[in-house]
Amino acid sequence: MWSIIVAILLPLNGCGVAALPCRVTSAALKIVPVVGHQIAMPLDACAAAID
């Protein structure tokens, strides 16, 4: 399990790792019908600001 996590995070640089929680949460919220994309917009902005 840990080797999979390390393999995913290894190609990311410092900013990518820092923005990962924002991106994952945003992607999960976008699944919600009707309001998902509107709710995820601040998290997308968070990830963009970190990058």
N, C-alpha and C. Protein backbone atom coordinates (compact mmCIF):
# COMPACT_ATOMS: atom_id res chain seq x y z
N MET A 1 0.83 -1.19 0.00
CA MET A 1 0.00 0.00 0.00
C MET A 1 0.87 1.26 0.00
N TRP A 2 1.87 1.28 0.88
CA TRP A 2 2.73 2.46 0.97
C TRP A 2 3.54 2.64 -0.30
N SER A 3 3.90 1.55 -0.95
CA SER A 3 4.68 1.67 -2.18
C SER A 3 3.86 2.32 -3.28
N ILE A 4 2.57 2.08 -3.30
CA ILE A 4 1.69 2.72 -4.28
C ILE A 4 1.62 4.22 -4.02
N ILE A 5 1.48 4.59 -2.77
CA ILE A 5 1.41 6.02 -2.42
C ILE A 5 2.71 6.71 -2.77
N VAL A 6 3.83 6.08 -2.47
CA VAL A 6 5.13 6.67 -2.80
C VAL A 6 5.30 6.79 -4.31
N ALA A 7 4.86 5.78 -5.05
CA ALA A 7 4.97 5.82 -6.52
C ALA A 7 4.13 6.93 -7.12
N ILE A 8 3.01 7.24 -6.50
CA ILE A 8 2.16 8.33 -6.99
C ILE A 8 2.77 9.68 -6.65
N LEU A 9 3.30 9.83 -5.44
CA LEU A 9 3.83 11.12 -4.99
C LEU A 9 5.24 11.41 -5.46
N LEU A 10 5.99 10.39 -5.88
CA LEU A 10 7.37 10.59 -6.27
C LEU A 10 7.56 11.56 -7.43
N PRO A 11 6.76 11.49 -8.50
CA PRO A 11 6.98 12.44 -9.60
C PRO A 11 6.53 13.86 -9.29
N LEU A 12 5.82 14.08 -8.21
CA LEU A 12 5.35 15.41 -7.88
C LEU A 12 6.45 16.20 -7.18
N ASN A 13 6.56 17.46 -7.50
CA ASN A 13 7.52 18.30 -6.79
C ASN A 13 6.84 18.88 -5.54
N GLY A 14 7.46 19.77 -4.85
CA GLY A 14 6.94 20.31 -3.59
C GLY A 14 5.58 20.95 -3.73
N CYS A 15 5.38 21.73 -4.78
CA CYS A 15 4.09 22.40 -4.97
C CYS A 15 2.98 21.39 -5.29
N GLY A 16 3.32 20.38 -6.07
CA GLY A 16 2.33 19.35 -6.40
C GLY A 16 1.85 18.60 -5.19
N VAL A 17 2.76 18.31 -4.27
CA VAL A 17 2.40 17.60 -3.05
C VAL A 17 1.56 18.50 -2.15
N ALA A 18 1.90 19.77 -2.09
CA ALA A 18 1.15 20.69 -1.25
C ALA A 18 -0.26 20.91 -1.79
N ALA A 19 -0.43 20.89 -3.11
CA ALA A 19 -1.74 21.12 -3.72
C ALA A 19 -2.57 19.85 -3.80
N LEU A 20 -1.98 18.72 -3.52
CA LEU A 20 -2.69 17.44 -3.65
C LEU A 20 -3.98 17.36 -2.84
N PRO A 21 -4.02 17.77 -1.56
CA PRO A 21 -5.29 17.69 -0.83
C PRO A 21 -6.39 18.54 -1.46
N CYS A 22 -6.04 19.71 -1.97
CA CYS A 22 -7.04 20.56 -2.63
C CYS A 22 -7.56 19.89 -3.89
N ARG A 23 -6.67 19.30 -4.66
CA ARG A 23 -7.07 18.67 -5.92
C ARG A 23 -7.92 17.42 -5.68
N VAL A 24 -7.55 16.61 -4.70
CA VAL A 24 -8.31 15.39 -4.42
C VAL A 24 -9.70 15.72 -3.91
N THR A 25 -9.79 16.67 -3.00
CA THR A 25 -11.09 17.07 -2.47
C THR A 25 -11.95 17.69 -3.56
N SER A 26 -11.34 18.49 -4.41
CA SER A 26 -12.07 19.10 -5.51
C SER A 26 -12.62 18.03 -6.46
N ALA A 27 -11.80 17.06 -6.78
CA ALA A 27 -12.25 15.98 -7.67
C ALA A 27 -13.39 15.18 -7.05
N ALA A 28 -13.31 14.94 -5.75
CA ALA A 28 -14.38 14.20 -5.07
C ALA A 28 -15.68 15.00 -5.05
N LEU A 29 -15.59 16.31 -4.87
CA LEU A 29 -16.79 17.14 -4.83
C LEU A 29 -17.43 17.29 -6.20
N LYS A 30 -16.64 17.22 -7.25
CA LYS A 30 -17.18 17.37 -8.61
C LYS A 30 -18.09 16.21 -9.00
N ILE A 31 -18.04 15.12 -8.24
CA ILE A 31 -18.90 13.97 -8.50
C ILE A 31 -20.35 14.28 -8.11
N VAL A 32 -20.53 15.18 -7.16
CA VAL A 32 -21.87 15.52 -6.66
C VAL A 32 -22.66 16.18 -7.79
N PRO A 33 -23.84 15.65 -8.12
CA PRO A 33 -24.62 16.24 -9.19
C PRO A 33 -25.10 17.65 -8.86
N VAL A 34 -25.28 18.45 -9.84
CA VAL A 34 -25.83 19.80 -9.84
C VAL A 34 -24.90 20.82 -9.18
N VAL A 35 -24.52 20.65 -7.93
CA VAL A 35 -23.76 21.67 -7.21
C VAL A 35 -22.27 21.35 -7.06
N GLY A 36 -21.85 20.20 -7.52
CA GLY A 36 -20.47 19.77 -7.30
C GLY A 36 -19.43 20.71 -7.85
N HIS A 37 -19.62 21.17 -9.08
CA HIS A 37 -18.63 22.05 -9.70
C HIS A 37 -18.58 23.42 -9.01
N GLN A 38 -19.70 23.93 -8.57
CA GLN A 38 -19.69 25.21 -7.87
C GLN A 38 -19.02 25.10 -6.51
N ILE A 39 -19.23 24.01 -5.83
CA ILE A 39 -18.60 23.81 -4.52
C ILE A 39 -17.10 23.60 -4.68
N ALA A 40 -16.67 22.99 -5.76
CA ALA A 40 -15.26 22.68 -5.97
C ALA A 40 -14.46 23.88 -6.47
N MET A 41 -15.10 24.93 -6.93
CA MET A 41 -14.37 26.08 -7.48
C MET A 41 -13.37 26.70 -6.50
N PRO A 42 -13.71 26.90 -5.22
CA PRO A 42 -12.69 27.46 -4.30
C PRO A 42 -11.49 26.52 -4.11
N LEU A 43 -11.73 25.23 -4.15
CA LEU A 43 -10.62 24.29 -4.00
C LEU A 43 -9.74 24.30 -5.24
N ASP A 44 -10.32 24.46 -6.41
CA ASP A 44 -9.53 24.61 -7.63
C ASP A 44 -8.68 25.88 -7.57
N ALA A 45 -9.24 26.93 -7.03
CA ALA A 45 -8.50 28.18 -6.87
C ALA A 45 -7.36 28.01 -5.86
N CYS A 46 -7.61 27.25 -4.82
CA CYS A 46 -6.57 26.95 -3.82
C CYS A 46 -5.40 26.22 -4.47
N ALA A 47 -5.70 25.20 -5.25
CA ALA A 47 -4.65 24.44 -5.92
C ALA A 47 -3.90 25.29 -6.93
N ALA A 48 -4.61 26.15 -7.64
CA ALA A 48 -3.96 27.04 -8.61
C ALA A 48 -3.05 28.04 -7.90
N ALA A 49 -3.47 28.52 -6.75
CA ALA A 49 -2.66 29.49 -6.01
C ALA A 49 -1.37 28.83 -5.49
N ILE A 50 -1.47 27.59 -5.07
CA ILE A 50 -0.29 26.88 -4.58
C ILE A 50 0.69 26.62 -5.72
N ASP A 51 0.16 26.28 -6.88
CA ASP A 51 1.03 26.02 -8.03
C ASP A 51 1.60 27.31 -8.51
